[in-house]
Amino acid sequence: MEVNDLKERVIHLIESLLLEDPAYFLVWVKVKPGHIIRVYLDGDSGLPIQKCSYFNRKLYRAIEEAGWFPDGDFALEVSSPGVDEPLLLKRQYNKNIGRKVEVEMLDGTKKEGTLTTIAEADIIIEWTEGKGKKATQQQLLIPFEQIKSTIVQIQF
């Protein structure tokens, strides 16, 4: 089976499974040679490990029942994107409002700030410039079409 065809079939299966639980959504599917299928899901309030296991079992069973691999020669991994992965979907931006992000623009410039607003076509980030009495709040409106990547910055 062609890799792209397999990917499309997996996307169709997982999207039908996700209809049961609309708090979770598909971020992307990656298919590697050797029938290694990686499915990345996320949720509006995160993705607990129990839900990863649940969707893994359901998807595995659906693939087996579809008979795509009569010899069972495939591997399936279901997880959430790592913290170092860029945000890809508007729904991921929504769940990260209030968190510090680094936005890289298509022109290569980068800006760090707190993600405060997500609109249909853009986001707004805020940051403080200066110190003490000279500190001022800055805001920047960034159209989605100008964003190369946005990565949540982990705070300790």
Protein backbone atom coordinates (compact mmCIF):
# COMPACT_ATOMS: atom_id res chain seq x y z
CA MET A 1 0.00 0.00 0.00
CA GLU A 2 1.28 3.44 -1.00
CA VAL A 3 2.43 5.63 1.94
CA ASN A 4 0.16 8.57 1.02
CA ASP A 5 -2.82 6.27 0.52
CA LEU A 6 -2.19 4.68 3.91
CA LYS A 7 -1.87 8.11 5.51
CA GLU A 8 -5.21 9.23 4.05
CA ARG A 9 -6.90 6.03 5.22
CA VAL A 10 -5.52 6.46 8.75
CA ILE A 11 -6.67 10.10 8.82
CA HIS A 12 -10.16 9.02 7.79
CA LEU A 13 -10.26 6.32 10.51
CA ILE A 14 -8.97 8.51 13.33
CA GLU A 15 -11.25 11.41 12.40
CA SER A 16 -14.26 9.10 12.59
CA LEU A 17 -13.07 7.87 16.03
CA LEU A 18 -12.61 11.47 17.22
CA LEU A 19 -16.25 12.24 16.44
CA GLU A 20 -17.06 10.28 19.64
CA ASP A 21 -15.12 12.76 21.72
CA PRO A 22 -14.98 16.28 20.19
CA ALA A 23 -12.66 17.61 22.93
CA TYR A 24 -9.79 15.87 21.07
CA PHE A 25 -8.49 16.52 17.59
CA LEU A 26 -5.98 15.29 15.03
CA VAL A 27 -2.81 17.34 14.61
CA TRP A 28 -0.99 15.23 12.03
CA VAL A 29 -0.26 11.68 10.85
CA LYS A 30 3.16 10.48 9.78
CA VAL A 31 3.70 7.17 7.97
CA LYS A 32 7.24 5.84 7.73
CA PRO A 33 8.55 2.97 5.61
CA GLY A 34 7.89 -0.41 7.14
CA HIS A 35 4.28 0.51 7.96
CA ILE A 36 5.18 2.59 10.99
CA ILE A 37 2.20 4.82 11.67
CA ARG A 38 2.47 7.77 14.05
CA VAL A 39 -0.67 9.67 14.97
CA TYR A 40 -0.41 12.96 16.87
CA LEU A 41 -3.54 14.08 18.72
CA ASP A 42 -4.24 16.97 21.04
CA GLY A 43 -7.11 18.13 23.18
CA ASP A 44 -8.67 21.43 24.12
CA SER A 45 -7.49 20.79 27.70
CA GLY A 46 -4.52 18.60 26.85
CA LEU A 47 -4.35 14.89 26.08
CA PRO A 48 -4.10 12.53 29.07
CA ILE A 49 -2.12 9.31 28.59
CA GLN A 50 -5.31 7.32 29.17
CA LYS A 51 -6.88 8.97 26.11
CA CYS A 52 -3.77 8.21 24.03
CA SER A 53 -4.08 4.55 25.02
CA TYR A 54 -7.81 4.56 24.33
CA PHE A 55 -7.42 6.00 20.82
CA ASN A 56 -4.44 3.72 20.13
CA ARG A 57 -6.48 0.60 20.96
CA LYS A 58 -9.50 1.78 18.95
CA LEU A 59 -7.40 2.73 15.91
CA TYR A 60 -5.32 -0.46 16.07
CA ARG A 61 -8.49 -2.56 16.15
CA ALA A 62 -9.99 -0.57 13.24
CA ILE A 63 -6.84 -1.07 11.12
CA GLU A 64 -6.83 -4.81 11.87
CA GLU A 65 -10.54 -5.12 11.03
CA ALA A 66 -9.99 -3.25 7.75
CA GLY A 67 -7.48 -5.96 6.77
CA TRP A 68 -4.85 -3.56 5.42
CA PHE A 69 -2.02 -5.70 6.79
CA PRO A 70 -3.06 -9.37 6.65
CA ASP A 71 0.21 -10.43 8.30
CA GLY A 72 -0.16 -7.79 11.04
CA ASP A 73 3.12 -6.17 9.98
CA PHE A 74 2.52 -2.60 11.14
CA ALA A 75 3.38 -0.48 14.16
CA LEU A 76 1.10 2.18 15.58
CA GLU A 77 1.98 5.01 17.95
CA VAL A 78 -0.56 7.53 19.21
CA SER A 79 0.72 10.50 21.21
CA SER A 80 0.47 14.23 21.61
CA PRO A 81 3.03 16.52 19.95
CA GLY A 82 6.00 17.23 22.21
CA VAL A 83 6.42 20.55 23.98
CA ASP A 84 9.10 21.51 21.46
CA GLU A 85 6.78 20.99 18.48
CA PRO A 86 5.34 24.10 16.83
CA LEU A 87 1.64 24.88 17.03
CA LEU A 88 0.03 23.88 13.75
CA LEU A 89 -3.69 24.38 14.24
CA LYS A 90 -5.71 27.36 15.42
CA ARG A 91 -7.24 25.04 18.01
CA GLN A 92 -3.77 24.53 19.51
CA TYR A 93 -3.31 28.31 19.76
CA ASN A 94 -6.62 28.60 21.64
CA LYS A 95 -5.55 26.19 24.35
CA ASN A 96 -2.30 28.12 24.85
CA ILE A 97 -3.77 31.58 25.50
CA GLY A 98 -1.93 33.10 28.47
CA ARG A 99 1.27 31.16 27.83
CA LYS A 100 4.60 32.55 26.67
CA VAL A 101 5.37 31.78 23.02
CA GLU A 102 8.13 32.40 20.52
CA VAL A 103 6.79 33.31 17.09
CA GLU A 104 9.08 33.05 14.08
CA MET A 105 7.90 35.05 11.10
CA LEU A 106 8.38 34.05 7.47
CA ASP A 107 11.05 36.79 7.17
CA GLY A 108 13.09 35.04 9.91
CA THR A 109 12.44 37.57 12.70
CA LYS A 110 11.39 36.19 16.08
CA LYS A 111 9.29 37.70 18.81
CA GLU A 112 8.58 36.38 22.31
CA GLY A 113 5.56 37.30 24.33
CA THR A 114 2.42 36.08 26.02
CA LEU A 115 -0.25 34.84 23.66
CA THR A 116 -3.29 36.92 24.56
CA THR A 117 -5.71 36.79 21.64
CA ILE A 118 -6.52 34.51 18.72
CA ALA A 119 -8.75 35.84 15.96
CA GLU A 120 -9.80 34.40 12.61
CA ALA A 121 -6.74 35.68 10.73
CA ASP A 122 -4.20 36.66 13.40
CA ILE A 123 -2.88 36.47 16.95
CA ILE A 124 -1.80 39.08 19.48
CA ILE A 125 1.18 38.67 21.78
CA GLU A 126 2.17 40.98 24.66
CA TRP A 127 5.44 41.61 26.46
CA THR A 128 6.97 44.15 28.80
CA GLU A 129 9.74 46.45 27.60
CA GLY A 130 12.00 48.28 30.02
CA LYS A 131 12.21 47.99 33.80
CA GLY A 132 10.69 49.64 36.81
CA LYS A 133 8.78 52.87 36.21
CA LYS A 134 9.91 52.90 32.58
CA ALA A 135 8.36 49.49 31.88
CA THR A 136 5.68 49.54 29.19
CA GLN A 137 3.36 46.86 27.88
CA GLN A 138 3.79 46.20 24.18
CA GLN A 139 1.42 44.36 21.87
CA LEU A 140 1.96 42.94 18.43
CA LEU A 141 -0.71 41.74 16.04
CA ILE A 142 0.66 38.94 13.85
CA PRO A 143 -1.32 37.60 10.87
CA PHE A 144 -1.30 33.80 10.62
CA GLU A 145 -0.13 34.12 7.02
CA GLN A 146 3.14 35.70 8.25
CA ILE A 147 3.88 32.99 10.87
CA LYS A 148 6.49 30.38 10.06
CA SER A 149 6.24 28.67 13.47
CA THR A 150 5.03 29.27 17.00
CA ILE A 151 6.53 27.34 19.91
CA VAL A 152 5.27 27.48 23.49
CA GLN A 153 8.07 28.47 25.86
CA ILE A 154 8.19 26.29 28.95
CA GLN A 155 8.52 28.34 32.16
CA PHE A 156 10.20 26.95 35.28
